[in-house]
Amino acid sequence: MDDTERFLDGSKLPCLLVENKADLLEENEIDNIEELKEFSDNNEFINCFRTSAKTGLNLNEAMSYLIGHIIQKLKNLSEKDIANDRKSIVLEPEKHVNNDKYRHKKSGCC
């Protein structure tokens, strides 16, 4: 990852280590992720998963973990952090600093 890319709070972007092709491993190798976990920890990944695109092994778990991690980080951010981020898109017009130009006037039909 490029060190210039940061999360809104200034922390590094959360990265998940995903090892694919678990369907090619022996059954006892799939659950043995100590070496993978050590590599993950030493290289600042938030977690690691052994997956298989062919069988779907751990794909939902890996994505759920990453999404949950990001949602938790967003919950911990202040509204000021979000408002000051020039790359963010604010979907709620009432939260814009200058929201007059975002107000929609009701037309006759809807």
N, C-alpha and C. Protein backbone atom coordinates (compact mmCIF):
# COMPACT_ATOMS: atom_id res chain seq x y z
N MET A 1 0.84 -1.19 0.00
CA MET A 1 0.00 0.00 0.00
C MET A 1 0.88 1.24 0.00
N ASP A 2 0.40 2.24 -0.65
CA ASP A 2 1.07 3.52 -0.69
C ASP A 2 0.86 4.22 0.65
N ASP A 3 1.94 4.63 1.30
CA ASP A 3 1.84 5.27 2.61
C ASP A 3 1.16 6.63 2.58
N THR A 4 0.97 7.19 1.39
CA THR A 4 0.31 8.49 1.32
C THR A 4 -1.20 8.35 1.47
N GLU A 5 -1.74 7.18 1.19
CA GLU A 5 -3.18 6.97 1.34
C GLU A 5 -3.49 6.66 2.79
N ARG A 6 -4.39 7.42 3.36
CA ARG A 6 -4.72 7.29 4.78
C ARG A 6 -6.22 7.27 4.96
N PHE A 7 -6.64 6.69 6.06
CA PHE A 7 -8.03 6.72 6.47
C PHE A 7 -8.32 8.13 7.00
N LEU A 8 -9.58 8.49 7.16
CA LEU A 8 -9.95 9.84 7.58
C LEU A 8 -9.31 10.27 8.89
N ASP A 9 -9.05 9.34 9.78
CA ASP A 9 -8.45 9.69 11.07
C ASP A 9 -6.93 9.74 11.01
N GLY A 10 -6.36 9.57 9.82
CA GLY A 10 -4.92 9.63 9.65
C GLY A 10 -4.22 8.28 9.75
N SER A 11 -4.94 7.25 10.15
CA SER A 11 -4.33 5.92 10.26
C SER A 11 -4.17 5.29 8.88
N LYS A 12 -3.34 4.27 8.81
CA LYS A 12 -3.15 3.56 7.55
C LYS A 12 -4.45 2.89 7.13
N LEU A 13 -4.63 2.73 5.83
CA LEU A 13 -5.81 2.03 5.35
C LEU A 13 -5.79 0.58 5.84
N PRO A 14 -6.93 0.07 6.27
CA PRO A 14 -6.96 -1.32 6.74
C PRO A 14 -6.78 -2.28 5.57
N CYS A 15 -5.82 -3.18 5.71
CA CYS A 15 -5.55 -4.18 4.68
C CYS A 15 -5.69 -5.57 5.27
N LEU A 16 -6.31 -6.42 4.51
CA LEU A 16 -6.56 -7.79 4.91
C LEU A 16 -5.71 -8.71 4.04
N LEU A 17 -5.00 -9.64 4.63
CA LEU A 17 -4.21 -10.61 3.88
C LEU A 17 -5.11 -11.79 3.54
N VAL A 18 -5.28 -12.04 2.25
CA VAL A 18 -6.15 -13.13 1.80
C VAL A 18 -5.31 -14.08 0.95
N GLU A 19 -5.13 -15.28 1.45
CA GLU A 19 -4.41 -16.30 0.71
C GLU A 19 -5.43 -17.18 0.00
N ASN A 20 -5.34 -17.26 -1.30
CA ASN A 20 -6.30 -18.02 -2.11
C ASN A 20 -5.77 -19.42 -2.40
N LYS A 21 -6.60 -20.21 -3.03
CA LYS A 21 -6.27 -21.58 -3.47
C LYS A 21 -6.22 -22.58 -2.32
N ALA A 22 -6.98 -22.33 -1.27
CA ALA A 22 -7.01 -23.26 -0.14
C ALA A 22 -7.55 -24.62 -0.55
N ASP A 23 -8.30 -24.65 -1.65
CA ASP A 23 -8.83 -25.94 -2.14
C ASP A 23 -7.73 -26.87 -2.62
N LEU A 24 -6.53 -26.36 -2.84
CA LEU A 24 -5.40 -27.19 -3.26
C LEU A 24 -4.60 -27.75 -2.07
N LEU A 25 -4.95 -27.33 -0.87
CA LEU A 25 -4.24 -27.78 0.33
C LEU A 25 -4.88 -29.04 0.91
N GLU A 26 -4.11 -29.73 1.70
CA GLU A 26 -4.64 -30.86 2.45
C GLU A 26 -5.53 -30.32 3.57
N GLU A 27 -6.47 -31.12 4.02
CA GLU A 27 -7.43 -30.71 5.05
C GLU A 27 -6.74 -30.16 6.30
N ASN A 28 -5.67 -30.82 6.76
CA ASN A 28 -4.98 -30.36 7.97
C ASN A 28 -4.19 -29.07 7.75
N GLU A 29 -3.90 -28.71 6.52
CA GLU A 29 -3.17 -27.47 6.23
C GLU A 29 -4.08 -26.25 6.23
N ILE A 30 -5.35 -26.44 5.92
CA ILE A 30 -6.29 -25.32 5.79
C ILE A 30 -6.43 -24.56 7.11
N ASP A 31 -6.57 -25.27 8.21
CA ASP A 31 -6.77 -24.63 9.51
C ASP A 31 -5.48 -24.19 10.18
N ASN A 32 -4.35 -24.62 9.67
CA ASN A 32 -3.06 -24.25 10.25
C ASN A 32 -2.58 -22.94 9.61
N ILE A 33 -2.95 -21.84 10.25
CA ILE A 33 -2.61 -20.54 9.67
C ILE A 33 -1.60 -19.77 10.52
N GLU A 34 -0.88 -20.47 11.37
CA GLU A 34 0.08 -19.79 12.25
C GLU A 34 1.11 -18.98 11.47
N GLU A 35 1.66 -19.57 10.41
CA GLU A 35 2.67 -18.90 9.60
C GLU A 35 2.05 -17.70 8.87
N LEU A 36 0.85 -17.88 8.37
CA LEU A 36 0.14 -16.80 7.69
C LEU A 36 -0.17 -15.66 8.66
N LYS A 37 -0.60 -16.02 9.87
CA LYS A 37 -0.91 -15.03 10.90
C LYS A 37 0.35 -14.25 11.30
N GLU A 38 1.46 -14.94 11.43
CA GLU A 38 2.72 -14.28 11.78
C GLU A 38 3.12 -13.27 10.71
N PHE A 39 3.00 -13.69 9.44
CA PHE A 39 3.32 -12.78 8.34
C PHE A 39 2.37 -11.58 8.36
N SER A 40 1.11 -11.85 8.59
CA SER A 40 0.10 -10.80 8.66
C SER A 40 0.42 -9.79 9.75
N ASP A 41 0.74 -10.27 10.93
CA ASP A 41 1.06 -9.40 12.06
C ASP A 41 2.33 -8.58 11.80
N ASN A 42 3.34 -9.19 11.22
CA ASN A 42 4.61 -8.52 10.96
C ASN A 42 4.52 -7.47 9.86
N ASN A 43 3.48 -7.55 9.04
CA ASN A 43 3.35 -6.63 7.91
C ASN A 43 2.12 -5.73 8.01
N GLU A 44 1.62 -5.57 9.23
CA GLU A 44 0.57 -4.61 9.56
C GLU A 44 -0.77 -4.84 8.86
N PHE A 45 -1.09 -6.10 8.57
CA PHE A 45 -2.42 -6.43 8.08
C PHE A 45 -3.35 -6.48 9.29
N ILE A 46 -4.64 -6.21 9.09
CA ILE A 46 -5.57 -6.23 10.22
C ILE A 46 -5.98 -7.66 10.57
N ASN A 47 -5.85 -8.58 9.63
CA ASN A 47 -6.15 -9.99 9.86
C ASN A 47 -5.78 -10.76 8.61
N CYS A 48 -5.92 -12.07 8.66
CA CYS A 48 -5.62 -12.90 7.50
C CYS A 48 -6.64 -14.03 7.38
N PHE A 49 -6.85 -14.45 6.16
CA PHE A 49 -7.78 -15.54 5.89
C PHE A 49 -7.21 -16.42 4.79
N ARG A 50 -7.37 -17.68 4.94
CA ARG A 50 -7.06 -18.63 3.88
C ARG A 50 -8.37 -18.91 3.16
N THR A 51 -8.40 -18.66 1.85
CA THR A 51 -9.66 -18.73 1.11
C THR A 51 -9.54 -19.61 -0.13
N SER A 52 -10.69 -19.86 -0.73
CA SER A 52 -10.75 -20.53 -2.01
C SER A 52 -11.86 -19.89 -2.84
N ALA A 53 -11.48 -19.31 -3.96
CA ALA A 53 -12.49 -18.75 -4.87
C ALA A 53 -13.30 -19.87 -5.50
N LYS A 54 -12.69 -21.03 -5.66
CA LYS A 54 -13.36 -22.17 -6.28
C LYS A 54 -14.48 -22.72 -5.39
N THR A 55 -14.20 -22.89 -4.11
CA THR A 55 -15.20 -23.48 -3.21
C THR A 55 -15.95 -22.43 -2.39
N GLY A 56 -15.45 -21.21 -2.36
CA GLY A 56 -16.08 -20.16 -1.57
C GLY A 56 -15.62 -20.15 -0.11
N LEU A 57 -14.65 -20.97 0.23
CA LEU A 57 -14.16 -21.07 1.60
C LEU A 57 -13.69 -19.71 2.12
N ASN A 58 -14.26 -19.26 3.22
CA ASN A 58 -13.86 -18.04 3.95
C ASN A 58 -13.99 -16.73 3.18
N LEU A 59 -14.60 -16.74 2.01
CA LEU A 59 -14.76 -15.47 1.27
C LEU A 59 -15.71 -14.53 2.00
N ASN A 60 -16.86 -15.02 2.41
CA ASN A 60 -17.81 -14.18 3.14
C ASN A 60 -17.22 -13.72 4.47
N GLU A 61 -16.53 -14.61 5.14
CA GLU A 61 -15.93 -14.28 6.43
C GLU A 61 -14.88 -13.18 6.28
N ALA A 62 -14.05 -13.29 5.25
CA ALA A 62 -12.99 -12.29 5.03
C ALA A 62 -13.60 -10.92 4.72
N MET A 63 -14.56 -10.89 3.83
CA MET A 63 -15.17 -9.61 3.46
C MET A 63 -15.99 -9.03 4.61
N SER A 64 -16.69 -9.87 5.34
CA SER A 64 -17.44 -9.39 6.50
C SER A 64 -16.51 -8.79 7.54
N TYR A 65 -15.37 -9.42 7.74
CA TYR A 65 -14.40 -8.90 8.71
C TYR A 65 -13.90 -7.52 8.27
N LEU A 66 -13.52 -7.39 7.01
CA LEU A 66 -13.00 -6.12 6.51
C LEU A 66 -14.07 -5.03 6.57
N ILE A 67 -15.26 -5.33 6.13
CA ILE A 67 -16.34 -4.35 6.16
C ILE A 67 -16.68 -3.96 7.59
N GLY A 68 -16.74 -4.93 8.48
CA GLY A 68 -17.00 -4.64 9.89
C GLY A 68 -15.93 -3.74 10.49
N HIS A 69 -14.69 -4.00 10.14
CA HIS A 69 -13.57 -3.18 10.63
C HIS A 69 -13.72 -1.73 10.14
N ILE A 70 -14.04 -1.56 8.88
CA ILE A 70 -14.19 -0.22 8.32
C ILE A 70 -15.39 0.49 8.95
N ILE A 71 -16.49 -0.20 9.11
CA ILE A 71 -17.68 0.41 9.74
C ILE A 71 -17.36 0.85 11.16
N GLN A 72 -16.63 0.04 11.90
CA GLN A 72 -16.26 0.42 13.26
C GLN A 72 -15.37 1.65 13.27
N LYS A 73 -14.42 1.73 12.33
CA LYS A 73 -13.57 2.91 12.24
C LYS A 73 -14.40 4.14 11.91
N LEU A 74 -15.36 4.01 11.02
CA LEU A 74 -16.21 5.15 10.67
C LEU A 74 -17.06 5.60 11.85
N LYS A 75 -17.53 4.67 12.65
CA LYS A 75 -18.32 5.01 13.83
C LYS A 75 -17.49 5.81 14.83
N ASN A 76 -16.20 5.55 14.87
CA ASN A 76 -15.31 6.23 15.82
C ASN A 76 -14.87 7.61 15.34
N LEU A 77 -15.14 7.95 14.10
CA LEU A 77 -14.77 9.25 13.58
C LEU A 77 -15.77 10.30 14.03
N SER A 78 -15.27 11.50 14.20
CA SER A 78 -16.17 12.60 14.53
C SER A 78 -16.74 13.17 13.24
N GLU A 79 -17.84 13.87 13.37
CA GLU A 79 -18.43 14.52 12.20
C GLU A 79 -17.47 15.55 11.62
N LYS A 80 -16.64 16.15 12.47
CA LYS A 80 -15.66 17.13 12.01
C LYS A 80 -14.64 16.46 11.08
N ASP A 81 -14.18 15.24 11.45
CA ASP A 81 -13.23 14.52 10.60
C ASP A 81 -13.83 14.27 9.22
N ILE A 82 -15.08 13.87 9.20
CA ILE A 82 -15.74 13.57 7.94
C ILE A 82 -15.97 14.84 7.13
N ALA A 83 -16.43 15.90 7.79
CA ALA A 83 -16.70 17.17 7.10
C ALA A 83 -15.43 17.78 6.52
N ASN A 84 -14.28 17.58 7.17
CA ASN A 84 -13.02 18.15 6.70
C ASN A 84 -12.36 17.34 5.60
N ASP A 85 -12.88 16.18 5.32
CA ASP A 85 -12.27 15.33 4.29
C ASP A 85 -12.76 15.78 2.91
N ARG A 86 -11.85 16.24 2.10
CA ARG A 86 -12.20 16.76 0.78
C ARG A 86 -12.55 15.65 -0.21
N LYS A 87 -12.19 14.40 0.09
CA LYS A 87 -12.46 13.30 -0.84
C LYS A 87 -13.79 12.63 -0.56
N SER A 88 -14.41 12.95 0.57
CA SER A 88 -15.67 12.30 0.94
C SER A 88 -16.84 12.90 0.18
N ILE A 89 -17.82 12.09 -0.02
CA ILE A 89 -19.08 12.54 -0.61
C ILE A 89 -20.12 12.50 0.49
N VAL A 90 -20.76 13.62 0.73
CA VAL A 90 -21.78 13.68 1.75
C VAL A 90 -23.12 13.44 1.08
N LEU A 91 -23.79 12.36 1.46
CA LEU A 91 -25.04 12.00 0.81
C LEU A 91 -26.24 12.67 1.44
N GLU A 92 -26.06 13.30 2.56
CA GLU A 92 -27.16 13.96 3.24
C GLU A 92 -27.00 15.46 3.08
N PRO A 93 -27.82 16.11 2.23
CA PRO A 93 -27.65 17.54 1.95
C PRO A 93 -27.65 18.41 3.19
N GLU A 94 -28.40 18.05 4.22
CA GLU A 94 -28.45 18.88 5.41
C GLU A 94 -27.12 18.92 6.16
N LYS A 95 -26.19 18.03 5.83
CA LYS A 95 -24.89 18.00 6.50
C LYS A 95 -23.84 18.82 5.75
N HIS A 96 -24.18 19.36 4.59
CA HIS A 96 -23.24 20.22 3.86
C HIS A 96 -23.14 21.56 4.58
N VAL A 97 -21.95 22.12 4.56
CA VAL A 97 -21.74 23.42 5.20
C VAL A 97 -22.60 24.47 4.51
N ASN A 98 -22.55 24.49 3.19
CA ASN A 98 -23.35 25.44 2.41
C ASN A 98 -24.46 24.64 1.72
N ASN A 99 -25.49 24.33 2.46
CA ASN A 99 -26.47 23.40 1.93
C ASN A 99 -27.59 24.05 1.13
N ASP A 100 -27.62 25.37 1.01
CA ASP A 100 -28.69 26.02 0.26
C ASP A 100 -28.73 25.55 -1.19
N LYS A 101 -27.57 25.39 -1.80
CA LYS A 101 -27.56 25.00 -3.21
C LYS A 101 -27.98 23.53 -3.40
N TYR A 102 -28.06 22.75 -2.32
CA TYR A 102 -28.45 21.35 -2.42
C TYR A 102 -29.93 21.13 -2.11
N ARG A 103 -30.58 22.15 -1.63
CA ARG A 103 -32.00 22.01 -1.31
C ARG A 103 -32.80 21.92 -2.61
N HIS A 104 -33.68 20.96 -2.65
CA HIS A 104 -34.54 20.80 -3.82
C HIS A 104 -35.90 21.40 -3.51
N LYS A 105 -36.37 22.21 -4.41
CA LYS A 105 -37.70 22.75 -4.24
C LYS A 105 -38.70 21.73 -4.76
N LYS A 106 -39.75 21.55 -4.01
CA LYS A 106 -40.77 20.60 -4.43
C LYS A 106 -41.49 21.13 -5.66
N SER A 107 -41.65 20.26 -6.59
CA SER A 107 -42.44 20.62 -7.76
C SER A 107 -43.86 20.13 -7.52
N GLY A 108 -44.70 20.37 -8.45
CA GLY A 108 -46.11 20.09 -8.27
C GLY A 108 -46.49 18.62 -8.15
N CYS A 109 -45.77 17.72 -8.82
CA CYS A 109 -46.27 16.34 -8.88
C CYS A 109 -45.78 15.41 -7.79
N CYS A 110 -44.62 15.58 -7.29
CA CYS A 110 -44.07 14.58 -6.37
C CYS A 110 -43.78 15.12 -5.00
